[in-house]
């Protein structure tokens, strides 16, 4: 004789197939040297940059002095350096390191 049919009484929840929306406030990236988050700014306005000491505006608009090279990749014309940027002299903001191609770099005495 067959057993009577018993429905499975265990409930389940259907998971959503929609993607989760990113949070409105991104998680800050922390500077390992200071333990503080990097600045959210990627560009310092030229009007502000002109008021800073000479080394921060002598190369022109859209430039910022590098503190040191912390990595390199590629070779030849495609060589790039990972640069740690000078902190802002008045606000002490630190800027996130960035990969820069070799043709964008100048030495202190003006040579490329």
PDB file of N, CA and C in Angstrom:
ATOM      1  N   UNK A   1       0.820  -1.157   0.000  1.00  0.00           N
ATOM      2  CA  UNK A   1       0.000   0.000   0.000  1.00  0.00           C
ATOM      3  C   UNK A   1       0.886   1.250   0.000  1.00  0.00           C
ATOM      4  N   UNK A   2       0.485   2.262  -0.793  1.00  0.00           N
ATOM      5  CA  UNK A   2       1.255   3.487  -0.900  1.00  0.00           C
ATOM      6  C   UNK A   2       1.027   4.379   0.297  1.00  0.00           C
ATOM      7  N   UNK A   3       2.119   5.132   0.642  1.00  0.00           N
ATOM      8  CA  UNK A   3       1.988   6.097   1.725  1.00  0.00           C
ATOM      9  C   UNK A   3       1.213   7.305   1.208  1.00  0.00           C
ATOM     10  N   UNK A   4       0.411   7.907   2.051  1.00  0.00           N
ATOM     11  CA  UNK A   4      -0.325   9.077   1.602  1.00  0.00           C
ATOM     12  C   UNK A   4       0.629  10.259   1.361  1.00  0.00           C
ATOM     13  N   UNK A   5       0.265  11.119   0.419  1.00  0.00           N
ATOM     14  CA  UNK A   5       1.088  12.271   0.065  1.00  0.00           C
ATOM     15  C   UNK A   5       1.061  13.281   1.187  1.00  0.00           C
ATOM     16  N   UNK A   6       2.277  13.698   1.628  1.00  0.00           N
ATOM     17  CA  UNK A   6       2.390  14.745   2.641  1.00  0.00           C
ATOM     18  C   UNK A   6       3.172  15.887   2.012  1.00  0.00           C
ATOM     19  N   UNK A   7       2.587  17.055   1.930  1.00  0.00           N
ATOM     20  CA  UNK A   7       3.329  18.173   1.348  1.00  0.00           C
ATOM     21  C   UNK A   7       4.485  18.563   2.254  1.00  0.00           C
ATOM     22  N   UNK A   8       5.522  19.081   1.642  1.00  0.00           N
ATOM     23  CA  UNK A   8       6.682  19.557   2.391  1.00  0.00           C
ATOM     24  C   UNK A   8       6.283  20.872   3.057  1.00  0.00           C
ATOM     25  N   UNK A   9       6.288  20.894   4.344  1.00  0.00           N
ATOM     26  CA  UNK A   9       5.821  22.050   5.072  1.00  0.00           C
ATOM     27  C   UNK A   9       6.937  23.046   5.390  1.00  0.00           C
ATOM     28  N   UNK A  10       8.117  22.768   4.926  1.00  0.00           N
ATOM     29  CA  UNK A  10       9.225  23.682   5.170  1.00  0.00           C
ATOM     30  C   UNK A  10       9.074  24.873   4.223  1.00  0.00           C
ATOM     31  N   UNK A  11       9.053  26.064   4.804  1.00  0.00           N
ATOM     32  CA  UNK A  11       8.914  27.262   3.984  1.00  0.00           C
ATOM     33  C   UNK A  11      10.290  27.708   3.497  1.00  0.00           C
ATOM     34  N   UNK A  12      10.299  28.330   2.378  1.00  0.00           N
ATOM     35  CA  UNK A  12      11.547  28.891   1.875  1.00  0.00           C
ATOM     36  C   UNK A  12      11.262  30.290   1.363  1.00  0.00           C
ATOM     37  N   UNK A  13      12.314  31.093   1.339  1.00  0.00           N
ATOM     38  CA  UNK A  13      12.176  32.446   0.818  1.00  0.00           C
ATOM     39  C   UNK A  13      12.958  32.530  -0.481  1.00  0.00           C
ATOM     40  N   UNK A  14      12.355  33.137  -1.438  1.00  0.00           N
ATOM     41  CA  UNK A  14      12.999  33.285  -2.726  1.00  0.00           C
ATOM     42  C   UNK A  14      13.944  34.477  -2.657  1.00  0.00           C
ATOM     43  N   UNK A  15      15.187  34.246  -3.026  1.00  0.00           N
ATOM     44  CA  UNK A  15      16.141  35.352  -2.981  1.00  0.00           C
ATOM     45  C   UNK A  15      15.933  36.255  -4.193  1.00  0.00           C
ATOM     46  N   UNK A  16      16.196  37.519  -4.002  1.00  0.00           N
ATOM     47  CA  UNK A  16      16.008  38.494  -5.057  1.00  0.00           C
ATOM     48  C   UNK A  16      17.077  38.321  -6.123  1.00  0.00           C
ATOM     49  N   UNK A  17      16.692  38.482  -7.378  1.00  0.00           N
ATOM     50  CA  UNK A  17      17.660  38.395  -8.473  1.00  0.00           C
ATOM     51  C   UNK A  17      18.156  39.769  -8.874  1.00  0.00           C
ATOM     52  N   UNK A  18      17.637  40.815  -8.216  1.00  0.00           N
ATOM     53  CA  UNK A  18      18.069  42.162  -8.534  1.00  0.00           C
ATOM     54  C   UNK A  18      19.438  42.425  -7.917  1.00  0.00           C
ATOM     55  N   UNK A  19      20.225  43.264  -8.618  1.00  0.00           N
ATOM     56  CA  UNK A  19      21.521  43.644  -8.070  1.00  0.00           C
ATOM     57  C   UNK A  19      21.334  44.590  -6.906  1.00  0.00           C
ATOM     58  N   UNK A  20      22.234  44.485  -5.959  1.00  0.00           N
ATOM     59  CA  UNK A  20      22.191  45.394  -4.831  1.00  0.00           C
ATOM     60  C   UNK A  20      22.731  46.745  -5.272  1.00  0.00           C
ATOM     61  N   UNK A  21      22.108  47.800  -4.819  1.00  0.00           N
ATOM     62  CA  UNK A  21      22.554  49.142  -5.144  1.00  0.00           C
ATOM     63  C   UNK A  21      23.754  49.486  -4.259  1.00  0.00           C
ATOM     64  N   UNK A  22      24.751  50.159  -4.847  1.00  0.00           N
ATOM     65  CA  UNK A  22      25.885  50.567  -4.007  1.00  0.00           C
ATOM     66  C   UNK A  22      25.427  51.607  -2.992  1.00  0.00           C
ATOM     67  N   UNK A  23      26.096  51.620  -1.870  1.00  0.00           N
ATOM     68  CA  UNK A  23      25.713  52.582  -0.844  1.00  0.00           C
ATOM     69  C   UNK A  23      26.024  53.994  -1.315  1.00  0.00           C
ATOM     70  N   UNK A  24      25.314  54.940  -0.769  1.00  0.00           N
ATOM     71  CA  UNK A  24      25.505  56.329  -1.159  1.00  0.00           C
ATOM     72  C   UNK A  24      26.856  56.868  -0.703  1.00  0.00           C
ATOM     73  N   UNK A  25      27.360  56.364   0.388  1.00  0.00           N
ATOM     74  CA  UNK A  25      28.655  56.818   0.888  1.00  0.00           C
ATOM     75  C   UNK A  25      29.683  55.712   0.674  1.00  0.00           C
ATOM     76  N   UNK A  26      30.625  55.917  -0.251  1.00  0.00           N
ATOM     77  CA  UNK A  26      31.621  54.877  -0.505  1.00  0.00           C
ATOM     78  C   UNK A  26      32.556  54.707   0.685  1.00  0.00           C
ATOM     79  N   UNK A  27      33.080  53.517   0.814  1.00  0.00           N
ATOM     80  CA  UNK A  27      34.039  53.239   1.876  1.00  0.00           C
ATOM     81  C   UNK A  27      35.336  53.966   1.576  1.00  0.00           C
ATOM     82  N   UNK A  28      35.830  54.790   2.496  1.00  0.00           N
ATOM     83  CA  UNK A  28      37.055  55.542   2.215  1.00  0.00           C
ATOM     84  C   UNK A  28      38.274  54.621   2.163  1.00  0.00           C
ATOM     85  N   UNK A  29      39.221  54.980   1.312  1.00  0.00           N
ATOM     86  CA  UNK A  29      40.468  54.236   1.216  1.00  0.00           C
ATOM     87  C   UNK A  29      41.446  54.879   2.193  1.00  0.00           C
ATOM     88  N   UNK A  30      42.064  54.061   3.025  1.00  0.00           N
ATOM     89  CA  UNK A  30      42.907  54.544   4.116  1.00  0.00           C
ATOM     90  C   UNK A  30      44.370  54.625   3.680  1.00  0.00           C
ATOM     91  N   UNK A  31      45.024  55.723   4.014  1.00  0.00           N
ATOM     92  CA  UNK A  31      46.452  55.903   3.779  1.00  0.00           C
ATOM     93  C   UNK A  31      47.193  55.055   4.815  1.00  0.00           C
ATOM     94  N   UNK A  32      47.993  54.063   4.390  1.00  0.00           N
ATOM     95  CA  UNK A  32      48.675  53.200   5.366  1.00  0.00           C
ATOM     96  C   UNK A  32      49.708  53.928   6.217  1.00  0.00           C
ATOM     97  N   UNK A  33      50.245  55.045   5.719  1.00  0.00           N
ATOM     98  CA  UNK A  33      51.272  55.776   6.473  1.00  0.00           C
ATOM     99  C   UNK A  33      50.671  56.564   7.629  1.00  0.00           C
ATOM    100  N   UNK A  34      49.532  57.200   7.396  1.00  0.00           N
ATOM    101  CA  UNK A  34      48.941  58.051   8.426  1.00  0.00           C
ATOM    102  C   UNK A  34      47.752  57.417   9.126  1.00  0.00           C
ATOM    103  N   UNK A  35      47.136  56.421   8.492  1.00  0.00           N
ATOM    104  CA  UNK A  35      45.938  55.815   9.070  1.00  0.00           C
ATOM    105  C   UNK A  35      44.686  56.640   8.829  1.00  0.00           C
ATOM    106  N   UNK A  36      44.819  57.730   8.068  1.00  0.00           N
ATOM    107  CA  UNK A  36      43.690  58.605   7.756  1.00  0.00           C
ATOM    108  C   UNK A  36      43.205  58.317   6.341  1.00  0.00           C
ATOM    109  N   UNK A  37      41.933  58.602   6.055  1.00  0.00           N
ATOM    110  CA  UNK A  37      41.454  58.373   4.690  1.00  0.00           C
ATOM    111  C   UNK A  37      42.073  59.374   3.713  1.00  0.00           C
ATOM    112  N   UNK A  38      42.247  58.919   2.464  1.00  0.00           N
ATOM    113  CA  UNK A  38      42.727  59.816   1.421  1.00  0.00           C
ATOM    114  C   UNK A  38      41.657  60.859   1.150  1.00  0.00           C
ATOM    115  N   UNK A  39      42.081  62.003   0.626  1.00  0.00           N
ATOM    116  CA  UNK A  39      41.162  63.070   0.274  1.00  0.00           C
ATOM    117  C   UNK A  39      40.242  62.610  -0.849  1.00  0.00           C
ATOM    118  N   UNK A  40      39.023  63.080  -0.833  1.00  0.00           N
ATOM    119  CA  UNK A  40      38.086  62.770  -1.898  1.00  0.00           C
ATOM    120  C   UNK A  40      38.335  63.612  -3.136  1.00  0.00           C
ATOM    121  N   UNK A  41      39.146  64.648  -2.997  1.00  0.00           N
ATOM    122  CA  UNK A  41      39.436  65.516  -4.138  1.00  0.00           C
ATOM    123  C   UNK A  41      40.483  64.877  -5.040  1.00  0.00           C
ATOM    124  N   UNK A  42      40.308  65.020  -6.330  1.00  0.00           N
ATOM    125  CA  UNK A  42      41.319  64.542  -7.274  1.00  0.00           C
ATOM    126  C   UNK A  42      42.084  65.703  -7.882  1.00  0.00           C
ATOM    127  N   UNK A  43      41.507  66.898  -7.817  1.00  0.00           N
ATOM    128  CA  UNK A  43      42.148  68.086  -8.378  1.00  0.00           C
ATOM    129  C   UNK A  43      42.021  69.226  -7.375  1.00  0.00           C
ATOM    130  N   UNK A  44      43.120  69.930  -7.164  1.00  0.00           N
ATOM    131  CA  UNK A  44      43.081  71.129  -6.332  1.00  0.00           C
ATOM    132  C   UNK A  44      42.846  72.308  -7.275  1.00  0.00           C
ATOM    133  N   UNK A  45      41.817  73.120  -7.029  1.00  0.00           N
ATOM    134  CA  UNK A  45      41.537  74.246  -7.933  1.00  0.00           C
ATOM    135  C   UNK A  45      42.755  75.159  -8.087  1.00  0.00           C
ATOM    136  N   UNK A  46      42.941  75.700  -9.301  1.00  0.00           N
ATOM    137  CA  UNK A  46      44.107  76.509  -9.600  1.00  0.00           C
ATOM    138  C   UNK A  46      44.175  77.752  -8.718  1.00  0.00           C
ATOM    139  N   UNK A  47      43.032  78.373  -8.439  1.00  0.00           N
ATOM    140  CA  UNK A  47      43.031  79.564  -7.577  1.00  0.00           C
ATOM    141  C   UNK A  47      43.599  79.236  -6.192  1.00  0.00           C
ATOM    142  N   UNK A  48      43.267  78.064  -5.685  1.00  0.00           N
ATOM    143  CA  UNK A  48      43.798  77.639  -4.386  1.00  0.00           C
ATOM    144  C   UNK A  48      45.268  77.262  -4.515  1.00  0.00           C
ATOM    145  N   UNK A  49      45.610  76.592  -5.609  1.00  0.00           N
ATOM    146  CA  UNK A  49      46.978  76.119  -5.803  1.00  0.00           C
ATOM    147  C   UNK A  49      47.960  77.289  -5.918  1.00  0.00           C
ATOM    148  N   UNK A  50      47.538  78.415  -6.500  1.00  0.00           N
ATOM    149  CA  UNK A  50      48.420  79.582  -6.643  1.00  0.00           C
ATOM    150  C   UNK A  50      48.774  80.207  -5.300  1.00  0.00           C
ATOM    151  N   UNK A  51      47.958  79.973  -4.259  1.00  0.00           N
ATOM    152  CA  UNK A  51      48.233  80.546  -2.944  1.00  0.00           C
ATOM    153  C   UNK A  51      49.184  79.685  -2.121  1.00  0.00           C
ATOM    154  N   UNK A  52      49.505  78.485  -2.611  1.00  0.00           N
ATOM    155  CA  UNK A  52      50.380  77.550  -1.891  1.00  0.00           C
ATOM    156  C   UNK A  52      51.845  77.901  -2.162  1.00  0.00           C
ATOM    157  N   UNK A  53      52.785  77.310  -1.413  1.00  0.00           N
ATOM    158  CA  UNK A  53      54.212  77.549  -1.677  1.00  0.00           C
ATOM    159  C   UNK A  53      54.577  77.231  -3.133  1.00  0.00           C
ATOM    160  N   UNK A  54      55.687  77.782  -3.601  1.00  0.00           N
ATOM    161  CA  UNK A  54      56.086  77.746  -5.013  1.00  0.00           C
ATOM    162  C   UNK A  54      56.096  76.349  -5.620  1.00  0.00           C
ATOM    163  N   UNK A  55      56.598  75.361  -4.916  1.00  0.00           N
ATOM    164  CA  UNK A  55      56.727  74.028  -5.512  1.00  0.00           C
ATOM    165  C   UNK A  55      55.371  73.416  -5.870  1.00  0.00           C
ATOM    166  N   UNK A  56      54.277  73.945  -5.325  1.00  0.00           N
ATOM    167  CA  UNK A  56      52.954  73.418  -5.616  1.00  0.00           C
ATOM    168  C   UNK A  56      52.318  74.045  -6.847  1.00  0.00           C
ATOM    169  N   UNK A  57      52.888  75.135  -7.370  1.00  0.00           N
ATOM    170  CA  UNK A  57      52.290  75.748  -8.557  1.00  0.00           C
ATOM    171  C   UNK A  57      53.296  76.123  -9.636  1.00  0.00           C
ATOM    172  N   UNK A  58      54.586  75.811  -9.435  1.00  0.00           N
ATOM    173  CA  UNK A  58      55.593  76.226 -10.411  1.00  0.00           C
ATOM    174  C   UNK A  58      55.492  75.460 -11.732  1.00  0.00           C
ATOM    175  N   UNK A  59      54.939  74.252 -11.734  1.00  0.00           N
ATOM    176  CA  UNK A  59      54.836  73.477 -12.973  1.00  0.00           C
ATOM    177  C   UNK A  59      53.578  73.790 -13.760  1.00  0.00           C
ATOM    178  N   UNK A  60      52.678  74.574 -13.187  1.00  0.00           N
ATOM    179  CA  UNK A  60      51.490  74.973 -13.921  1.00  0.00           C
ATOM    180  C   UNK A  60      50.218  74.332 -13.407  1.00  0.00           C
ATOM    181  N   UNK A  61      49.138  74.735 -14.037  1.00  0.00           N
ATOM    182  CA  UNK A  61      47.814  74.267 -13.635  1.00  0.00           C
ATOM    183  C   UNK A  61      47.674  72.771 -13.911  1.00  0.00           C
ATOM    184  N   UNK A  62      47.019  72.074 -12.988  1.00  0.00           N
ATOM    185  CA  UNK A  62      46.769  70.649 -13.163  1.00  0.00           C
ATOM    186  C   UNK A  62      47.927  69.755 -12.773  1.00  0.00           C
ATOM    187  N   UNK A  63      48.953  70.299 -12.132  1.00  0.00           N
ATOM    188  CA  UNK A  63      50.089  69.486 -11.684  1.00  0.00           C
ATOM    189  C   UNK A  63      50.172  69.530 -10.164  1.00  0.00           C
ATOM    190  N   UNK A  64      50.813  68.520  -9.605  1.00  0.00           N
ATOM    191  CA  UNK A  64      51.001  68.447  -8.157  1.00  0.00           C
ATOM    192  C   UNK A  64      52.312  67.724  -7.911  1.00  0.00           C
ATOM    193  N   UNK A  65      53.144  68.172  -6.986  1.00  0.00           N
ATOM    194  CA  UNK A  65      54.444  67.518  -6.774  1.00  0.00           C
ATOM    195  C   UNK A  65      54.302  66.131  -6.145  1.00  0.00           C
ATOM    196  N   UNK A  66      55.158  65.226  -6.593  1.00  0.00           N
ATOM    197  CA  UNK A  66      55.173  63.868  -6.054  1.00  0.00           C
ATOM    198  C   UNK A  66      56.147  63.799  -4.883  1.00  0.00           C
ATOM    199  N   UNK A  67      55.802  63.002  -3.893  1.00  0.00           N
ATOM    200  CA  UNK A  67      56.672  62.799  -2.734  1.00  0.00           C
ATOM    201  C   UNK A  67      57.722  61.743  -3.045  1.00  0.00           C
ATOM    202  N   UNK A  68      57.260  60.604  -3.604  1.00  0.00           N
ATOM    203  CA  UNK A  68      58.201  59.550  -3.976  1.00  0.00           C
ATOM    204  C   UNK A  68      57.542  58.555  -4.915  1.00  0.00           C
ATOM    205  N   UNK A  69      58.366  57.763  -5.584  1.00  0.00           N
ATOM    206  CA  UNK A  69      57.892  56.686  -6.454  1.00  0.00           C
ATOM    207  C   UNK A  69      57.776  55.431  -5.593  1.00  0.00           C
ATOM    208  N   UNK A  70      56.604  54.814  -5.596  1.00  0.00           N
ATOM    209  CA  UNK A  70      56.412  53.629  -4.751  1.00  0.00           C
ATOM    210  C   UNK A  70      56.199  52.352  -5.559  1.00  0.00           C
ATOM    211  N   UNK A  71      56.193  52.472  -6.883  1.00  0.00           N
ATOM    212  CA  UNK A  71      56.052  51.282  -7.727  1.00  0.00           C
ATOM    213  C   UNK A  71      56.253  51.638  -9.180  1.00  0.00           C
ATOM    214  N   UNK A  72      56.501  50.605  -9.994  1.00  0.00           N
ATOM    215  CA  UNK A  72      56.619  50.824 -11.428  1.00  0.00           C
ATOM    216  C   UNK A  72      56.123  49.595 -12.164  1.00  0.00           C
ATOM    217  N   UNK A  73      55.637  49.833 -13.392  1.00  0.00           N
ATOM    218  CA  UNK A  73      55.172  48.724 -14.227  1.00  0.00           C
ATOM    219  C   UNK A  73      55.369  49.106 -15.689  1.00  0.00           C
ATOM    220  N   UNK A  74      55.395  48.092 -16.534  1.00  0.00           N
ATOM    221  CA  UNK A  74      55.585  48.325 -17.963  1.00  0.00           C
ATOM    222  C   UNK A  74      57.041  48.531 -18.309  1.00  0.00           C
ATOM    223  N   UNK A  75      57.290  48.775 -19.603  1.00  0.00           N
ATOM    224  CA  UNK A  75      58.653  49.030 -20.059  1.00  0.00           C
ATOM    225  C   UNK A  75      58.608  49.915 -21.288  1.00  0.00           C
ATOM    226  N   UNK A  76      59.733  50.540 -21.583  1.00  0.00           N
ATOM    227  CA  UNK A  76      59.832  51.391 -22.759  1.00  0.00           C
ATOM    228  C   UNK A  76      58.890  52.578 -22.690  1.00  0.00           C
ATOM    229  N   UNK A  77      58.173  52.825 -23.782  1.00  0.00           N
ATOM    230  CA  UNK A  77      57.260  53.962 -23.840  1.00  0.00           C
ATOM    231  C   UNK A  77      56.029  53.769 -22.962  1.00  0.00           C
ATOM    232  N   UNK A  78      55.758  52.551 -22.575  1.00  0.00           N
ATOM    233  CA  UNK A  78      54.579  52.265 -21.755  1.00  0.00           C
ATOM    234  C   UNK A  78      54.895  52.177 -20.257  1.00  0.00           C
ATOM    235  N   UNK A  79      56.074  52.624 -19.869  1.00  0.00           N
ATOM    236  CA  UNK A  79      56.470  52.554 -18.466  1.00  0.00           C
ATOM    237  C   UNK A  79      55.646  53.535 -17.639  1.00  0.00           C
ATOM    238  N   UNK A  80      55.133  53.059 -16.509  1.00  0.00           N
ATOM    239  CA  UNK A  80      54.344  53.882 -15.599  1.00  0.00           C
ATOM    240  C   UNK A  80      54.909  53.748 -14.196  1.00  0.00           C
ATOM    241  N   UNK A  81      54.757  54.823 -13.429  1.00  0.00           N
ATOM    242  CA  UNK A  81      55.220  54.845 -12.045  1.00  0.00           C
ATOM    243  C   UNK A  81      54.038  55.110 -11.126  1.00  0.00           C
ATOM    244  N   UNK A  82      54.018  54.422  -9.995  1.00  0.00           N
ATOM    245  CA  UNK A  82      53.017  54.675  -8.964  1.00  0.00           C
ATOM    246  C   UNK A  82      53.600  55.735  -8.044  1.00  0.00           C
ATOM    247  N   UNK A  83      52.970  56.908  -8.032  1.00  0.00           N
ATOM    248  CA  UNK A  83      53.509  58.039  -7.281  1.00  0.00           C
ATOM    249  C   UNK A  83      52.709  58.312  -6.020  1.00  0.00           C
ATOM    250  N   UNK A  84      53.437  58.576  -4.949  1.00  0.00           N
ATOM    251  CA  UNK A  84      52.818  59.068  -3.720  1.00  0.00           C
ATOM    252  C   UNK A  84      52.936  60.583  -3.778  1.00  0.00           C
ATOM    253  N   UNK A  85      51.816  61.284  -3.610  1.00  0.00           N
ATOM    254  CA  UNK A  85      51.784  62.728  -3.775  1.00  0.00           C
ATOM    255  C   UNK A  85      52.097  63.450  -2.475  1.00  0.00           C
ATOM    256  N   UNK A  86      52.639  64.662  -2.618  1.00  0.00           N
ATOM    257  CA  UNK A  86      52.883  65.526  -1.457  1.00  0.00           C
ATOM    258  C   UNK A  86      51.545  65.817  -0.783  1.00  0.00           C
ATOM    259  N   UNK A  87      51.493  65.831   0.544  1.00  0.00           N
ATOM    260  CA  UNK A  87      50.246  66.228   1.208  1.00  0.00           C
ATOM    261  C   UNK A  87      50.007  67.730   1.034  1.00  0.00           C
ATOM    262  N   UNK A  88      48.759  68.127   1.140  1.00  0.00           N
ATOM    263  CA  UNK A  88      48.415  69.547   1.033  1.00  0.00           C
ATOM    264  C   UNK A  88      49.078  70.265   2.199  1.00  0.00           C
ATOM    265  N   UNK A  89      49.811  71.367   1.959  1.00  0.00           N
ATOM    266  CA  UNK A  89      50.584  71.992   3.032  1.00  0.00           C
ATOM    267  C   UNK A  89      49.738  72.634   4.135  1.00  0.00           C
ATOM    268  N   UNK A  90      48.522  73.062   3.829  1.00  0.00           N
ATOM    269  CA  UNK A  90      47.714  73.744   4.839  1.00  0.00           C
ATOM    270  C   UNK A  90      46.670  72.837   5.474  1.00  0.00           C
ATOM    271  N   UNK A  91      46.047  71.983   4.668  1.00  0.00           N
ATOM    272  CA  UNK A  91      44.981  71.121   5.204  1.00  0.00           C
ATOM    273  C   UNK A  91      45.486  69.739   5.593  1.00  0.00           C
ATOM    274  N   UNK A  92      46.719  69.407   5.204  1.00  0.00           N
ATOM    275  CA  UNK A  92      47.321  68.085   5.439  1.00  0.00           C
ATOM    276  C   UNK A  92      46.528  66.945   4.805  1.00  0.00           C
ATOM    277  N   UNK A  93      45.745  67.246   3.767  1.00  0.00           N
ATOM    278  CA  UNK A  93      45.056  66.196   3.022  1.00  0.00           C
ATOM    279  C   UNK A  93      46.103  65.353   2.315  1.00  0.00           C
ATOM    280  N   UNK A  94      45.901  64.045   2.305  1.00  0.00           N
ATOM    281  CA  UNK A  94      46.770  63.175   1.521  1.00  0.00           C
ATOM    282  C   UNK A  94      45.966  62.700   0.327  1.00  0.00           C
ATOM    283  N   UNK A  95      46.636  62.590  -0.809  1.00  0.00           N
ATOM    284  CA  UNK A  95      45.973  62.203  -2.038  1.00  0.00           C
ATOM    285  C   UNK A  95      46.357  60.783  -2.399  1.00  0.00           C
ATOM    286  N   UNK A  96      45.401  60.055  -2.942  1.00  0.00           N
ATOM    287  CA  UNK A  96      45.585  58.650  -3.279  1.00  0.00           C
ATOM    288  C   UNK A  96      46.691  58.485  -4.328  1.00  0.00           C
ATOM    289  N   UNK A  97      47.610  57.512  -4.145  1.00  0.00           N
ATOM    290  CA  UNK A  97      48.657  57.271  -5.143  1.00  0.00           C
ATOM    291  C   UNK A  97      48.035  56.965  -6.505  1.00  0.00           C
ATOM    292  N   UNK A  98      48.753  57.318  -7.558  1.00  0.00           N
ATOM    293  CA  UNK A  98      48.220  57.184  -8.904  1.00  0.00           C
ATOM    294  C   UNK A  98      49.316  56.720  -9.857  1.00  0.00           C
ATOM    295  N   UNK A  99      48.929  55.938 -10.893  1.00  0.00           N
ATOM    296  CA  UNK A  99      49.867  55.501 -11.915  1.00  0.00           C
ATOM    297  C   UNK A  99      50.019  56.620 -12.940  1.00  0.00           C
ATOM    298  N   UNK A 100      51.276  57.005 -13.244  1.00  0.00           N
ATOM    299  CA  UNK A 100      51.563  58.098 -14.166  1.00  0.00           C
ATOM    300  C   UNK A 100      52.576  57.617 -15.188  1.00  0.00           C
ATOM    301  N   UNK A 101      52.324  57.927 -16.472  1.00  0.00           N
ATOM    302  CA  UNK A 101      53.265  57.564 -17.533  1.00  0.00           C
ATOM    303  C   UNK A 101      54.540  58.384 -17.426  1.00  0.00           C
ATOM    304  N   UNK A 102      55.630  57.845 -17.929  1.00  0.00           N
ATOM    305  CA  UNK A 102      56.931  58.481 -17.793  1.00  0.00           C
ATOM    306  C   UNK A 102      57.004  59.830 -18.493  1.00  0.00           C
ATOM    307  N   UNK A 103      56.291  60.029 -19.606  1.00  0.00           N
ATOM    308  CA  UNK A 103      56.392  61.305 -20.322  1.00  0.00           C
ATOM    309  C   UNK A 103      55.717  62.442 -19.572  1.00  0.00           C
ATOM    310  N   UNK A 104      54.972  62.135 -18.509  1.00  0.00           N
ATOM    311  CA  UNK A 104      54.314  63.170 -17.715  1.00  0.00           C
ATOM    312  C   UNK A 104      55.187  63.648 -16.564  1.00  0.00           C
ATOM    313  N   UNK A 105      56.323  62.999 -16.346  1.00  0.00           N
ATOM    314  CA  UNK A 105      57.122  63.302 -15.166  1.00  0.00           C
ATOM    315  C   UNK A 105      58.261  64.254 -15.501  1.00  0.00           C
ATOM    316  N   UNK A 106      58.558  65.144 -14.561  1.00  0.00           N
ATOM    317  CA  UNK A 106      59.688  66.059 -14.674  1.00  0.00           C
ATOM    318  C   UNK A 106      60.483  65.984 -13.375  1.00  0.00           C
ATOM    319  N   UNK A 107      61.801  66.145 -13.485  1.00  0.00           N
ATOM    320  CA  UNK A 107      62.633  66.157 -12.295  1.00  0.00           C
ATOM    321  C   UNK A 107      62.638  67.548 -11.690  1.00  0.00           C
ATOM    322  N   UNK A 108      63.234  67.689 -10.523  1.00  0.00           N
ATOM    323  CA  UNK A 108      63.261  68.998  -9.846  1.00  0.00           C
ATOM    324  C   UNK A 108      63.977  70.069 -10.650  1.00  0.00           C
ATOM    325  N   UNK A 109      64.975  69.678 -11.442  1.00  0.00           N
ATOM    326  CA  UNK A 109      65.704  70.687 -12.216  1.00  0.00           C
ATOM    327  C   UNK A 109      65.066  70.946 -13.581  1.00  0.00           C
ATOM    328  N   UNK A 110      63.871  70.408 -13.821  1.00  0.00           N
ATOM    329  CA  UNK A 110      63.130  70.707 -15.042  1.00  0.00           C
ATOM    330  C   UNK A 110      63.334  69.728 -16.172  1.00  0.00           C
ATOM    331  N   UNK A 111      64.246  68.762 -16.017  1.00  0.00           N
ATOM    332  CA  UNK A 111      64.452  67.774 -17.076  1.00  0.00           C
ATOM    333  C   UNK A 111      63.352  66.731 -17.029  1.00  0.00           C
ATOM    334  N   UNK A 112      63.069  66.128 -18.188  1.00  0.00           N
ATOM    335  CA  UNK A 112      62.083  65.047 -18.228  1.00  0.00           C
ATOM    336  C   UNK A 112      62.717  63.730 -17.941  1.00  0.00           C
TER     337      UNK A 112
END
